[in-house]
Amino acid sequence: WKRGTVVRSWLLDLLVAALEKDPGL
């Protein structure tokens, strides 16, 4: 969703970064 979608944003980037580090939080 980070590129091209209507919901892309910096907050989405940060959430993805957090999930990549800890997928299940």
PDBML (XML) file of the C-alpha atoms, coordinates in Angstrom:
<?xml version="1.0" encoding="UTF-8" ?>
<PDBx:datablock datablockName="MODEL"
   xmlns:PDBx="http://pdbml.pdb.org/schema/pdbx-v50.xsd"
   xmlns:xsi="http://www.w3.org/2001/XMLSchema-instance"
   xsi:schemaLocation="http://pdbml.pdb.org/schema/pdbx-v50.xsd pdbx-v50.xsd">
   <PDBx:atom_siteCategory>
      <PDBx:atom_site id="1">
         <PDBx:B_iso_or_equiv>0.00</PDBx:B_iso_or_equiv>
         <PDBx:Cartn_x>0.000</PDBx:Cartn_x>
         <PDBx:Cartn_y>0.000</PDBx:Cartn_y>
         <PDBx:Cartn_z>0.000</PDBx:Cartn_z>
         <PDBx:auth_asym_id>A</PDBx:auth_asym_id>
         <PDBx:auth_atom_id>CA</PDBx:auth_atom_id>
         <PDBx:auth_comp_id>TRP</PDBx:auth_comp_id>
         <PDBx:auth_seq_id>1</PDBx:auth_seq_id>
         <PDBx:group_PDB>ATOM</PDBx:group_PDB>
         <PDBx:label_alt_id xsi:nil="true" />
         <PDBx:label_asym_id>A</PDBx:label_asym_id>
         <PDBx:label_atom_id>CA</PDBx:label_atom_id>
         <PDBx:label_comp_id>TRP</PDBx:label_comp_id>
         <PDBx:label_entity_id>1</PDBx:label_entity_id>
         <PDBx:label_seq_id>1</PDBx:label_seq_id>
         <PDBx:occupancy>1.00</PDBx:occupancy>
         <PDBx:pdbx_PDB_model_num>1</PDBx:pdbx_PDB_model_num>
         <PDBx:type_symbol>C</PDBx:type_symbol>
      </PDBx:atom_site>
      <PDBx:atom_site id="2">
         <PDBx:B_iso_or_equiv>0.00</PDBx:B_iso_or_equiv>
         <PDBx:Cartn_x>3.031</PDBx:Cartn_x>
         <PDBx:Cartn_y>2.300</PDBx:Cartn_y>
         <PDBx:Cartn_z>0.354</PDBx:Cartn_z>
         <PDBx:auth_asym_id>A</PDBx:auth_asym_id>
         <PDBx:auth_atom_id>CA</PDBx:auth_atom_id>
         <PDBx:auth_comp_id>LYS</PDBx:auth_comp_id>
         <PDBx:auth_seq_id>2</PDBx:auth_seq_id>
         <PDBx:group_PDB>ATOM</PDBx:group_PDB>
         <PDBx:label_alt_id xsi:nil="true" />
         <PDBx:label_asym_id>A</PDBx:label_asym_id>
         <PDBx:label_atom_id>CA</PDBx:label_atom_id>
         <PDBx:label_comp_id>LYS</PDBx:label_comp_id>
         <PDBx:label_entity_id>1</PDBx:label_entity_id>
         <PDBx:label_seq_id>2</PDBx:label_seq_id>
         <PDBx:occupancy>1.00</PDBx:occupancy>
         <PDBx:pdbx_PDB_model_num>1</PDBx:pdbx_PDB_model_num>
         <PDBx:type_symbol>C</PDBx:type_symbol>
      </PDBx:atom_site>
      <PDBx:atom_site id="3">
         <PDBx:B_iso_or_equiv>0.00</PDBx:B_iso_or_equiv>
         <PDBx:Cartn_x>3.060</PDBx:Cartn_x>
         <PDBx:Cartn_y>3.349</PDBx:Cartn_y>
         <PDBx:Cartn_z>-3.292</PDBx:Cartn_z>
         <PDBx:auth_asym_id>A</PDBx:auth_asym_id>
         <PDBx:auth_atom_id>CA</PDBx:auth_atom_id>
         <PDBx:auth_comp_id>ARG</PDBx:auth_comp_id>
         <PDBx:auth_seq_id>3</PDBx:auth_seq_id>
         <PDBx:group_PDB>ATOM</PDBx:group_PDB>
         <PDBx:label_alt_id xsi:nil="true" />
         <PDBx:label_asym_id>A</PDBx:label_asym_id>
         <PDBx:label_atom_id>CA</PDBx:label_atom_id>
         <PDBx:label_comp_id>ARG</PDBx:label_comp_id>
         <PDBx:label_entity_id>1</PDBx:label_entity_id>
         <PDBx:label_seq_id>3</PDBx:label_seq_id>
         <PDBx:occupancy>1.00</PDBx:occupancy>
         <PDBx:pdbx_PDB_model_num>1</PDBx:pdbx_PDB_model_num>
         <PDBx:type_symbol>C</PDBx:type_symbol>
      </PDBx:atom_site>
      <PDBx:atom_site id="4">
         <PDBx:B_iso_or_equiv>0.00</PDBx:B_iso_or_equiv>
         <PDBx:Cartn_x>0.234</PDBx:Cartn_x>
         <PDBx:Cartn_y>4.172</PDBx:Cartn_y>
         <PDBx:Cartn_z>-5.671</PDBx:Cartn_z>
         <PDBx:auth_asym_id>A</PDBx:auth_asym_id>
         <PDBx:auth_atom_id>CA</PDBx:auth_atom_id>
         <PDBx:auth_comp_id>GLY</PDBx:auth_comp_id>
         <PDBx:auth_seq_id>4</PDBx:auth_seq_id>
         <PDBx:group_PDB>ATOM</PDBx:group_PDB>
         <PDBx:label_alt_id xsi:nil="true" />
         <PDBx:label_asym_id>A</PDBx:label_asym_id>
         <PDBx:label_atom_id>CA</PDBx:label_atom_id>
         <PDBx:label_comp_id>GLY</PDBx:label_comp_id>
         <PDBx:label_entity_id>1</PDBx:label_entity_id>
         <PDBx:label_seq_id>4</PDBx:label_seq_id>
         <PDBx:occupancy>1.00</PDBx:occupancy>
         <PDBx:pdbx_PDB_model_num>1</PDBx:pdbx_PDB_model_num>
         <PDBx:type_symbol>C</PDBx:type_symbol>
      </PDBx:atom_site>
      <PDBx:atom_site id="5">
         <PDBx:B_iso_or_equiv>0.00</PDBx:B_iso_or_equiv>
         <PDBx:Cartn_x>-2.661</PDBx:Cartn_x>
         <PDBx:Cartn_y>3.570</PDBx:Cartn_y>
         <PDBx:Cartn_z>-3.283</PDBx:Cartn_z>
         <PDBx:auth_asym_id>A</PDBx:auth_asym_id>
         <PDBx:auth_atom_id>CA</PDBx:auth_atom_id>
         <PDBx:auth_comp_id>THR</PDBx:auth_comp_id>
         <PDBx:auth_seq_id>5</PDBx:auth_seq_id>
         <PDBx:group_PDB>ATOM</PDBx:group_PDB>
         <PDBx:label_alt_id xsi:nil="true" />
         <PDBx:label_asym_id>A</PDBx:label_asym_id>
         <PDBx:label_atom_id>CA</PDBx:label_atom_id>
         <PDBx:label_comp_id>THR</PDBx:label_comp_id>
         <PDBx:label_entity_id>1</PDBx:label_entity_id>
         <PDBx:label_seq_id>5</PDBx:label_seq_id>
         <PDBx:occupancy>1.00</PDBx:occupancy>
         <PDBx:pdbx_PDB_model_num>1</PDBx:pdbx_PDB_model_num>
         <PDBx:type_symbol>C</PDBx:type_symbol>
      </PDBx:atom_site>
      <PDBx:atom_site id="6">
         <PDBx:B_iso_or_equiv>0.00</PDBx:B_iso_or_equiv>
         <PDBx:Cartn_x>-4.929</PDBx:Cartn_x>
         <PDBx:Cartn_y>6.245</PDBx:Cartn_y>
         <PDBx:Cartn_z>-1.887</PDBx:Cartn_z>
         <PDBx:auth_asym_id>A</PDBx:auth_asym_id>
         <PDBx:auth_atom_id>CA</PDBx:auth_atom_id>
         <PDBx:auth_comp_id>VAL</PDBx:auth_comp_id>
         <PDBx:auth_seq_id>6</PDBx:auth_seq_id>
         <PDBx:group_PDB>ATOM</PDBx:group_PDB>
         <PDBx:label_alt_id xsi:nil="true" />
         <PDBx:label_asym_id>A</PDBx:label_asym_id>
         <PDBx:label_atom_id>CA</PDBx:label_atom_id>
         <PDBx:label_comp_id>VAL</PDBx:label_comp_id>
         <PDBx:label_entity_id>1</PDBx:label_entity_id>
         <PDBx:label_seq_id>6</PDBx:label_seq_id>
         <PDBx:occupancy>1.00</PDBx:occupancy>
         <PDBx:pdbx_PDB_model_num>1</PDBx:pdbx_PDB_model_num>
         <PDBx:type_symbol>C</PDBx:type_symbol>
      </PDBx:atom_site>
      <PDBx:atom_site id="7">
         <PDBx:B_iso_or_equiv>0.00</PDBx:B_iso_or_equiv>
         <PDBx:Cartn_x>-4.063</PDBx:Cartn_x>
         <PDBx:Cartn_y>5.289</PDBx:Cartn_y>
         <PDBx:Cartn_z>1.700</PDBx:Cartn_z>
         <PDBx:auth_asym_id>A</PDBx:auth_asym_id>
         <PDBx:auth_atom_id>CA</PDBx:auth_atom_id>
         <PDBx:auth_comp_id>VAL</PDBx:auth_comp_id>
         <PDBx:auth_seq_id>7</PDBx:auth_seq_id>
         <PDBx:group_PDB>ATOM</PDBx:group_PDB>
         <PDBx:label_alt_id xsi:nil="true" />
         <PDBx:label_asym_id>A</PDBx:label_asym_id>
         <PDBx:label_atom_id>CA</PDBx:label_atom_id>
         <PDBx:label_comp_id>VAL</PDBx:label_comp_id>
         <PDBx:label_entity_id>1</PDBx:label_entity_id>
         <PDBx:label_seq_id>7</PDBx:label_seq_id>
         <PDBx:occupancy>1.00</PDBx:occupancy>
         <PDBx:pdbx_PDB_model_num>1</PDBx:pdbx_PDB_model_num>
         <PDBx:type_symbol>C</PDBx:type_symbol>
      </PDBx:atom_site>
      <PDBx:atom_site id="8">
         <PDBx:B_iso_or_equiv>0.00</PDBx:B_iso_or_equiv>
         <PDBx:Cartn_x>-0.276</PDBx:Cartn_x>
         <PDBx:Cartn_y>5.734</PDBx:Cartn_y>
         <PDBx:Cartn_z>1.356</PDBx:Cartn_z>
         <PDBx:auth_asym_id>A</PDBx:auth_asym_id>
         <PDBx:auth_atom_id>CA</PDBx:auth_atom_id>
         <PDBx:auth_comp_id>ARG</PDBx:auth_comp_id>
         <PDBx:auth_seq_id>8</PDBx:auth_seq_id>
         <PDBx:group_PDB>ATOM</PDBx:group_PDB>
         <PDBx:label_alt_id xsi:nil="true" />
         <PDBx:label_asym_id>A</PDBx:label_asym_id>
         <PDBx:label_atom_id>CA</PDBx:label_atom_id>
         <PDBx:label_comp_id>ARG</PDBx:label_comp_id>
         <PDBx:label_entity_id>1</PDBx:label_entity_id>
         <PDBx:label_seq_id>8</PDBx:label_seq_id>
         <PDBx:occupancy>1.00</PDBx:occupancy>
         <PDBx:pdbx_PDB_model_num>1</PDBx:pdbx_PDB_model_num>
         <PDBx:type_symbol>C</PDBx:type_symbol>
      </PDBx:atom_site>
      <PDBx:atom_site id="9">
         <PDBx:B_iso_or_equiv>0.00</PDBx:B_iso_or_equiv>
         <PDBx:Cartn_x>1.281</PDBx:Cartn_x>
         <PDBx:Cartn_y>8.001</PDBx:Cartn_y>
         <PDBx:Cartn_z>3.983</PDBx:Cartn_z>
         <PDBx:auth_asym_id>A</PDBx:auth_asym_id>
         <PDBx:auth_atom_id>CA</PDBx:auth_atom_id>
         <PDBx:auth_comp_id>SER</PDBx:auth_comp_id>
         <PDBx:auth_seq_id>9</PDBx:auth_seq_id>
         <PDBx:group_PDB>ATOM</PDBx:group_PDB>
         <PDBx:label_alt_id xsi:nil="true" />
         <PDBx:label_asym_id>A</PDBx:label_asym_id>
         <PDBx:label_atom_id>CA</PDBx:label_atom_id>
         <PDBx:label_comp_id>SER</PDBx:label_comp_id>
         <PDBx:label_entity_id>1</PDBx:label_entity_id>
         <PDBx:label_seq_id>9</PDBx:label_seq_id>
         <PDBx:occupancy>1.00</PDBx:occupancy>
         <PDBx:pdbx_PDB_model_num>1</PDBx:pdbx_PDB_model_num>
         <PDBx:type_symbol>C</PDBx:type_symbol>
      </PDBx:atom_site>
      <PDBx:atom_site id="10">
         <PDBx:B_iso_or_equiv>0.00</PDBx:B_iso_or_equiv>
         <PDBx:Cartn_x>4.262</PDBx:Cartn_x>
         <PDBx:Cartn_y>8.388</PDBx:Cartn_y>
         <PDBx:Cartn_z>6.281</PDBx:Cartn_z>
         <PDBx:auth_asym_id>A</PDBx:auth_asym_id>
         <PDBx:auth_atom_id>CA</PDBx:auth_atom_id>
         <PDBx:auth_comp_id>TRP</PDBx:auth_comp_id>
         <PDBx:auth_seq_id>10</PDBx:auth_seq_id>
         <PDBx:group_PDB>ATOM</PDBx:group_PDB>
         <PDBx:label_alt_id xsi:nil="true" />
         <PDBx:label_asym_id>A</PDBx:label_asym_id>
         <PDBx:label_atom_id>CA</PDBx:label_atom_id>
         <PDBx:label_comp_id>TRP</PDBx:label_comp_id>
         <PDBx:label_entity_id>1</PDBx:label_entity_id>
         <PDBx:label_seq_id>10</PDBx:label_seq_id>
         <PDBx:occupancy>1.00</PDBx:occupancy>
         <PDBx:pdbx_PDB_model_num>1</PDBx:pdbx_PDB_model_num>
         <PDBx:type_symbol>C</PDBx:type_symbol>
      </PDBx:atom_site>
      <PDBx:atom_site id="11">
         <PDBx:B_iso_or_equiv>0.00</PDBx:B_iso_or_equiv>
         <PDBx:Cartn_x>2.277</PDBx:Cartn_x>
         <PDBx:Cartn_y>6.861</PDBx:Cartn_y>
         <PDBx:Cartn_z>9.138</PDBx:Cartn_z>
         <PDBx:auth_asym_id>A</PDBx:auth_asym_id>
         <PDBx:auth_atom_id>CA</PDBx:auth_atom_id>
         <PDBx:auth_comp_id>LEU</PDBx:auth_comp_id>
         <PDBx:auth_seq_id>11</PDBx:auth_seq_id>
         <PDBx:group_PDB>ATOM</PDBx:group_PDB>
         <PDBx:label_alt_id xsi:nil="true" />
         <PDBx:label_asym_id>A</PDBx:label_asym_id>
         <PDBx:label_atom_id>CA</PDBx:label_atom_id>
         <PDBx:label_comp_id>LEU</PDBx:label_comp_id>
         <PDBx:label_entity_id>1</PDBx:label_entity_id>
         <PDBx:label_seq_id>11</PDBx:label_seq_id>
         <PDBx:occupancy>1.00</PDBx:occupancy>
         <PDBx:pdbx_PDB_model_num>1</PDBx:pdbx_PDB_model_num>
         <PDBx:type_symbol>C</PDBx:type_symbol>
      </PDBx:atom_site>
      <PDBx:atom_site id="12">
         <PDBx:B_iso_or_equiv>0.00</PDBx:B_iso_or_equiv>
         <PDBx:Cartn_x>1.695</PDBx:Cartn_x>
         <PDBx:Cartn_y>3.778</PDBx:Cartn_y>
         <PDBx:Cartn_z>6.983</PDBx:Cartn_z>
         <PDBx:auth_asym_id>A</PDBx:auth_asym_id>
         <PDBx:auth_atom_id>CA</PDBx:auth_atom_id>
         <PDBx:auth_comp_id>LEU</PDBx:auth_comp_id>
         <PDBx:auth_seq_id>12</PDBx:auth_seq_id>
         <PDBx:group_PDB>ATOM</PDBx:group_PDB>
         <PDBx:label_alt_id xsi:nil="true" />
         <PDBx:label_asym_id>A</PDBx:label_asym_id>
         <PDBx:label_atom_id>CA</PDBx:label_atom_id>
         <PDBx:label_comp_id>LEU</PDBx:label_comp_id>
         <PDBx:label_entity_id>1</PDBx:label_entity_id>
         <PDBx:label_seq_id>12</PDBx:label_seq_id>
         <PDBx:occupancy>1.00</PDBx:occupancy>
         <PDBx:pdbx_PDB_model_num>1</PDBx:pdbx_PDB_model_num>
         <PDBx:type_symbol>C</PDBx:type_symbol>
      </PDBx:atom_site>
      <PDBx:atom_site id="13">
         <PDBx:B_iso_or_equiv>0.00</PDBx:B_iso_or_equiv>
         <PDBx:Cartn_x>5.438</PDBx:Cartn_x>
         <PDBx:Cartn_y>3.642</PDBx:Cartn_y>
         <PDBx:Cartn_z>6.269</PDBx:Cartn_z>
         <PDBx:auth_asym_id>A</PDBx:auth_asym_id>
         <PDBx:auth_atom_id>CA</PDBx:auth_atom_id>
         <PDBx:auth_comp_id>ASP</PDBx:auth_comp_id>
         <PDBx:auth_seq_id>13</PDBx:auth_seq_id>
         <PDBx:group_PDB>ATOM</PDBx:group_PDB>
         <PDBx:label_alt_id xsi:nil="true" />
         <PDBx:label_asym_id>A</PDBx:label_asym_id>
         <PDBx:label_atom_id>CA</PDBx:label_atom_id>
         <PDBx:label_comp_id>ASP</PDBx:label_comp_id>
         <PDBx:label_entity_id>1</PDBx:label_entity_id>
         <PDBx:label_seq_id>13</PDBx:label_seq_id>
         <PDBx:occupancy>1.00</PDBx:occupancy>
         <PDBx:pdbx_PDB_model_num>1</PDBx:pdbx_PDB_model_num>
         <PDBx:type_symbol>C</PDBx:type_symbol>
      </PDBx:atom_site>
      <PDBx:atom_site id="14">
         <PDBx:B_iso_or_equiv>0.00</PDBx:B_iso_or_equiv>
         <PDBx:Cartn_x>6.134</PDBx:Cartn_x>
         <PDBx:Cartn_y>3.704</PDBx:Cartn_y>
         <PDBx:Cartn_z>10.006</PDBx:Cartn_z>
         <PDBx:auth_asym_id>A</PDBx:auth_asym_id>
         <PDBx:auth_atom_id>CA</PDBx:auth_atom_id>
         <PDBx:auth_comp_id>LEU</PDBx:auth_comp_id>
         <PDBx:auth_seq_id>14</PDBx:auth_seq_id>
         <PDBx:group_PDB>ATOM</PDBx:group_PDB>
         <PDBx:label_alt_id xsi:nil="true" />
         <PDBx:label_asym_id>A</PDBx:label_asym_id>
         <PDBx:label_atom_id>CA</PDBx:label_atom_id>
         <PDBx:label_comp_id>LEU</PDBx:label_comp_id>
         <PDBx:label_entity_id>1</PDBx:label_entity_id>
         <PDBx:label_seq_id>14</PDBx:label_seq_id>
         <PDBx:occupancy>1.00</PDBx:occupancy>
         <PDBx:pdbx_PDB_model_num>1</PDBx:pdbx_PDB_model_num>
         <PDBx:type_symbol>C</PDBx:type_symbol>
      </PDBx:atom_site>
      <PDBx:atom_site id="15">
         <PDBx:B_iso_or_equiv>0.00</PDBx:B_iso_or_equiv>
         <PDBx:Cartn_x>3.585</PDBx:Cartn_x>
         <PDBx:Cartn_y>0.965</PDBx:Cartn_y>
         <PDBx:Cartn_z>10.733</PDBx:Cartn_z>
         <PDBx:auth_asym_id>A</PDBx:auth_asym_id>
         <PDBx:auth_atom_id>CA</PDBx:auth_atom_id>
         <PDBx:auth_comp_id>LEU</PDBx:auth_comp_id>
         <PDBx:auth_seq_id>15</PDBx:auth_seq_id>
         <PDBx:group_PDB>ATOM</PDBx:group_PDB>
         <PDBx:label_alt_id xsi:nil="true" />
         <PDBx:label_asym_id>A</PDBx:label_asym_id>
         <PDBx:label_atom_id>CA</PDBx:label_atom_id>
         <PDBx:label_comp_id>LEU</PDBx:label_comp_id>
         <PDBx:label_entity_id>1</PDBx:label_entity_id>
         <PDBx:label_seq_id>15</PDBx:label_seq_id>
         <PDBx:occupancy>1.00</PDBx:occupancy>
         <PDBx:pdbx_PDB_model_num>1</PDBx:pdbx_PDB_model_num>
         <PDBx:type_symbol>C</PDBx:type_symbol>
      </PDBx:atom_site>
      <PDBx:atom_site id="16">
         <PDBx:B_iso_or_equiv>0.00</PDBx:B_iso_or_equiv>
         <PDBx:Cartn_x>5.117</PDBx:Cartn_x>
         <PDBx:Cartn_y>-1.244</PDBx:Cartn_y>
         <PDBx:Cartn_z>8.058</PDBx:Cartn_z>
         <PDBx:auth_asym_id>A</PDBx:auth_asym_id>
         <PDBx:auth_atom_id>CA</PDBx:auth_atom_id>
         <PDBx:auth_comp_id>VAL</PDBx:auth_comp_id>
         <PDBx:auth_seq_id>16</PDBx:auth_seq_id>
         <PDBx:group_PDB>ATOM</PDBx:group_PDB>
         <PDBx:label_alt_id xsi:nil="true" />
         <PDBx:label_asym_id>A</PDBx:label_asym_id>
         <PDBx:label_atom_id>CA</PDBx:label_atom_id>
         <PDBx:label_comp_id>VAL</PDBx:label_comp_id>
         <PDBx:label_entity_id>1</PDBx:label_entity_id>
         <PDBx:label_seq_id>16</PDBx:label_seq_id>
         <PDBx:occupancy>1.00</PDBx:occupancy>
         <PDBx:pdbx_PDB_model_num>1</PDBx:pdbx_PDB_model_num>
         <PDBx:type_symbol>C</PDBx:type_symbol>
      </PDBx:atom_site>
      <PDBx:atom_site id="17">
         <PDBx:B_iso_or_equiv>0.00</PDBx:B_iso_or_equiv>
         <PDBx:Cartn_x>8.571</PDBx:Cartn_x>
         <PDBx:Cartn_y>-0.612</PDBx:Cartn_y>
         <PDBx:Cartn_z>9.532</PDBx:Cartn_z>
         <PDBx:auth_asym_id>A</PDBx:auth_asym_id>
         <PDBx:auth_atom_id>CA</PDBx:auth_atom_id>
         <PDBx:auth_comp_id>ALA</PDBx:auth_comp_id>
         <PDBx:auth_seq_id>17</PDBx:auth_seq_id>
         <PDBx:group_PDB>ATOM</PDBx:group_PDB>
         <PDBx:label_alt_id xsi:nil="true" />
         <PDBx:label_asym_id>A</PDBx:label_asym_id>
         <PDBx:label_atom_id>CA</PDBx:label_atom_id>
         <PDBx:label_comp_id>ALA</PDBx:label_comp_id>
         <PDBx:label_entity_id>1</PDBx:label_entity_id>
         <PDBx:label_seq_id>17</PDBx:label_seq_id>
         <PDBx:occupancy>1.00</PDBx:occupancy>
         <PDBx:pdbx_PDB_model_num>1</PDBx:pdbx_PDB_model_num>
         <PDBx:type_symbol>C</PDBx:type_symbol>
      </PDBx:atom_site>
      <PDBx:atom_site id="18">
         <PDBx:B_iso_or_equiv>0.00</PDBx:B_iso_or_equiv>
         <PDBx:Cartn_x>7.298</PDBx:Cartn_x>
         <PDBx:Cartn_y>-1.676</PDBx:Cartn_y>
         <PDBx:Cartn_z>12.960</PDBx:Cartn_z>
         <PDBx:auth_asym_id>A</PDBx:auth_asym_id>
         <PDBx:auth_atom_id>CA</PDBx:auth_atom_id>
         <PDBx:auth_comp_id>ALA</PDBx:auth_comp_id>
         <PDBx:auth_seq_id>18</PDBx:auth_seq_id>
         <PDBx:group_PDB>ATOM</PDBx:group_PDB>
         <PDBx:label_alt_id xsi:nil="true" />
         <PDBx:label_asym_id>A</PDBx:label_asym_id>
         <PDBx:label_atom_id>CA</PDBx:label_atom_id>
         <PDBx:label_comp_id>ALA</PDBx:label_comp_id>
         <PDBx:label_entity_id>1</PDBx:label_entity_id>
         <PDBx:label_seq_id>18</PDBx:label_seq_id>
         <PDBx:occupancy>1.00</PDBx:occupancy>
         <PDBx:pdbx_PDB_model_num>1</PDBx:pdbx_PDB_model_num>
         <PDBx:type_symbol>C</PDBx:type_symbol>
      </PDBx:atom_site>
      <PDBx:atom_site id="19">
         <PDBx:B_iso_or_equiv>0.00</PDBx:B_iso_or_equiv>
         <PDBx:Cartn_x>5.676</PDBx:Cartn_x>
         <PDBx:Cartn_y>-4.830</PDBx:Cartn_y>
         <PDBx:Cartn_z>11.523</PDBx:Cartn_z>
         <PDBx:auth_asym_id>A</PDBx:auth_asym_id>
         <PDBx:auth_atom_id>CA</PDBx:auth_atom_id>
         <PDBx:auth_comp_id>LEU</PDBx:auth_comp_id>
         <PDBx:auth_seq_id>19</PDBx:auth_seq_id>
         <PDBx:group_PDB>ATOM</PDBx:group_PDB>
         <PDBx:label_alt_id xsi:nil="true" />
         <PDBx:label_asym_id>A</PDBx:label_asym_id>
         <PDBx:label_atom_id>CA</PDBx:label_atom_id>
         <PDBx:label_comp_id>LEU</PDBx:label_comp_id>
         <PDBx:label_entity_id>1</PDBx:label_entity_id>
         <PDBx:label_seq_id>19</PDBx:label_seq_id>
         <PDBx:occupancy>1.00</PDBx:occupancy>
         <PDBx:pdbx_PDB_model_num>1</PDBx:pdbx_PDB_model_num>
         <PDBx:type_symbol>C</PDBx:type_symbol>
      </PDBx:atom_site>
      <PDBx:atom_site id="20">
         <PDBx:B_iso_or_equiv>0.00</PDBx:B_iso_or_equiv>
         <PDBx:Cartn_x>8.816</PDBx:Cartn_x>
         <PDBx:Cartn_y>-5.745</PDBx:Cartn_y>
         <PDBx:Cartn_z>9.597</PDBx:Cartn_z>
         <PDBx:auth_asym_id>A</PDBx:auth_asym_id>
         <PDBx:auth_atom_id>CA</PDBx:auth_atom_id>
         <PDBx:auth_comp_id>GLU</PDBx:auth_comp_id>
         <PDBx:auth_seq_id>20</PDBx:auth_seq_id>
         <PDBx:group_PDB>ATOM</PDBx:group_PDB>
         <PDBx:label_alt_id xsi:nil="true" />
         <PDBx:label_asym_id>A</PDBx:label_asym_id>
         <PDBx:label_atom_id>CA</PDBx:label_atom_id>
         <PDBx:label_comp_id>GLU</PDBx:label_comp_id>
         <PDBx:label_entity_id>1</PDBx:label_entity_id>
         <PDBx:label_seq_id>20</PDBx:label_seq_id>
         <PDBx:occupancy>1.00</PDBx:occupancy>
         <PDBx:pdbx_PDB_model_num>1</PDBx:pdbx_PDB_model_num>
         <PDBx:type_symbol>C</PDBx:type_symbol>
      </PDBx:atom_site>
      <PDBx:atom_site id="21">
         <PDBx:B_iso_or_equiv>0.00</PDBx:B_iso_or_equiv>
         <PDBx:Cartn_x>10.768</PDBx:Cartn_x>
         <PDBx:Cartn_y>-5.590</PDBx:Cartn_y>
         <PDBx:Cartn_z>12.835</PDBx:Cartn_z>
         <PDBx:auth_asym_id>A</PDBx:auth_asym_id>
         <PDBx:auth_atom_id>CA</PDBx:auth_atom_id>
         <PDBx:auth_comp_id>LYS</PDBx:auth_comp_id>
         <PDBx:auth_seq_id>21</PDBx:auth_seq_id>
         <PDBx:group_PDB>ATOM</PDBx:group_PDB>
         <PDBx:label_alt_id xsi:nil="true" />
         <PDBx:label_asym_id>A</PDBx:label_asym_id>
         <PDBx:label_atom_id>CA</PDBx:label_atom_id>
         <PDBx:label_comp_id>LYS</PDBx:label_comp_id>
         <PDBx:label_entity_id>1</PDBx:label_entity_id>
         <PDBx:label_seq_id>21</PDBx:label_seq_id>
         <PDBx:occupancy>1.00</PDBx:occupancy>
         <PDBx:pdbx_PDB_model_num>1</PDBx:pdbx_PDB_model_num>
         <PDBx:type_symbol>C</PDBx:type_symbol>
      </PDBx:atom_site>
      <PDBx:atom_site id="22">
         <PDBx:B_iso_or_equiv>0.00</PDBx:B_iso_or_equiv>
         <PDBx:Cartn_x>8.146</PDBx:Cartn_x>
         <PDBx:Cartn_y>-7.483</PDBx:Cartn_y>
         <PDBx:Cartn_z>14.873</PDBx:Cartn_z>
         <PDBx:auth_asym_id>A</PDBx:auth_asym_id>
         <PDBx:auth_atom_id>CA</PDBx:auth_atom_id>
         <PDBx:auth_comp_id>ASP</PDBx:auth_comp_id>
         <PDBx:auth_seq_id>22</PDBx:auth_seq_id>
         <PDBx:group_PDB>ATOM</PDBx:group_PDB>
         <PDBx:label_alt_id xsi:nil="true" />
         <PDBx:label_asym_id>A</PDBx:label_asym_id>
         <PDBx:label_atom_id>CA</PDBx:label_atom_id>
         <PDBx:label_comp_id>ASP</PDBx:label_comp_id>
         <PDBx:label_entity_id>1</PDBx:label_entity_id>
         <PDBx:label_seq_id>22</PDBx:label_seq_id>
         <PDBx:occupancy>1.00</PDBx:occupancy>
         <PDBx:pdbx_PDB_model_num>1</PDBx:pdbx_PDB_model_num>
         <PDBx:type_symbol>C</PDBx:type_symbol>
      </PDBx:atom_site>
      <PDBx:atom_site id="23">
         <PDBx:B_iso_or_equiv>0.00</PDBx:B_iso_or_equiv>
         <PDBx:Cartn_x>5.475</PDBx:Cartn_x>
         <PDBx:Cartn_y>-9.039</PDBx:Cartn_y>
         <PDBx:Cartn_z>12.570</PDBx:Cartn_z>
         <PDBx:auth_asym_id>A</PDBx:auth_asym_id>
         <PDBx:auth_atom_id>CA</PDBx:auth_atom_id>
         <PDBx:auth_comp_id>PRO</PDBx:auth_comp_id>
         <PDBx:auth_seq_id>23</PDBx:auth_seq_id>
         <PDBx:group_PDB>ATOM</PDBx:group_PDB>
         <PDBx:label_alt_id xsi:nil="true" />
         <PDBx:label_asym_id>A</PDBx:label_asym_id>
         <PDBx:label_atom_id>CA</PDBx:label_atom_id>
         <PDBx:label_comp_id>PRO</PDBx:label_comp_id>
         <PDBx:label_entity_id>1</PDBx:label_entity_id>
         <PDBx:label_seq_id>23</PDBx:label_seq_id>
         <PDBx:occupancy>1.00</PDBx:occupancy>
         <PDBx:pdbx_PDB_model_num>1</PDBx:pdbx_PDB_model_num>
         <PDBx:type_symbol>C</PDBx:type_symbol>
      </PDBx:atom_site>
      <PDBx:atom_site id="24">
         <PDBx:B_iso_or_equiv>0.00</PDBx:B_iso_or_equiv>
         <PDBx:Cartn_x>3.115</PDBx:Cartn_x>
         <PDBx:Cartn_y>-10.008</PDBx:Cartn_y>
         <PDBx:Cartn_z>15.379</PDBx:Cartn_z>
         <PDBx:auth_asym_id>A</PDBx:auth_asym_id>
         <PDBx:auth_atom_id>CA</PDBx:auth_atom_id>
         <PDBx:auth_comp_id>GLY</PDBx:auth_comp_id>
         <PDBx:auth_seq_id>24</PDBx:auth_seq_id>
         <PDBx:group_PDB>ATOM</PDBx:group_PDB>
         <PDBx:label_alt_id xsi:nil="true" />
         <PDBx:label_asym_id>A</PDBx:label_asym_id>
         <PDBx:label_atom_id>CA</PDBx:label_atom_id>
         <PDBx:label_comp_id>GLY</PDBx:label_comp_id>
         <PDBx:label_entity_id>1</PDBx:label_entity_id>
         <PDBx:label_seq_id>24</PDBx:label_seq_id>
         <PDBx:occupancy>1.00</PDBx:occupancy>
         <PDBx:pdbx_PDB_model_num>1</PDBx:pdbx_PDB_model_num>
         <PDBx:type_symbol>C</PDBx:type_symbol>
      </PDBx:atom_site>
      <PDBx:atom_site id="25">
         <PDBx:B_iso_or_equiv>0.00</PDBx:B_iso_or_equiv>
         <PDBx:Cartn_x>3.882</PDBx:Cartn_x>
         <PDBx:Cartn_y>-6.957</PDBx:Cartn_y>
         <PDBx:Cartn_z>17.524</PDBx:Cartn_z>
         <PDBx:auth_asym_id>A</PDBx:auth_asym_id>
         <PDBx:auth_atom_id>CA</PDBx:auth_atom_id>
         <PDBx:auth_comp_id>LEU</PDBx:auth_comp_id>
         <PDBx:auth_seq_id>25</PDBx:auth_seq_id>
         <PDBx:group_PDB>ATOM</PDBx:group_PDB>
         <PDBx:label_alt_id xsi:nil="true" />
         <PDBx:label_asym_id>A</PDBx:label_asym_id>
         <PDBx:label_atom_id>CA</PDBx:label_atom_id>
         <PDBx:label_comp_id>LEU</PDBx:label_comp_id>
         <PDBx:label_entity_id>1</PDBx:label_entity_id>
         <PDBx:label_seq_id>25</PDBx:label_seq_id>
         <PDBx:occupancy>1.00</PDBx:occupancy>
         <PDBx:pdbx_PDB_model_num>1</PDBx:pdbx_PDB_model_num>
         <PDBx:type_symbol>C</PDBx:type_symbol>
      </PDBx:atom_site>
   </PDBx:atom_siteCategory>
</PDBx:datablock>
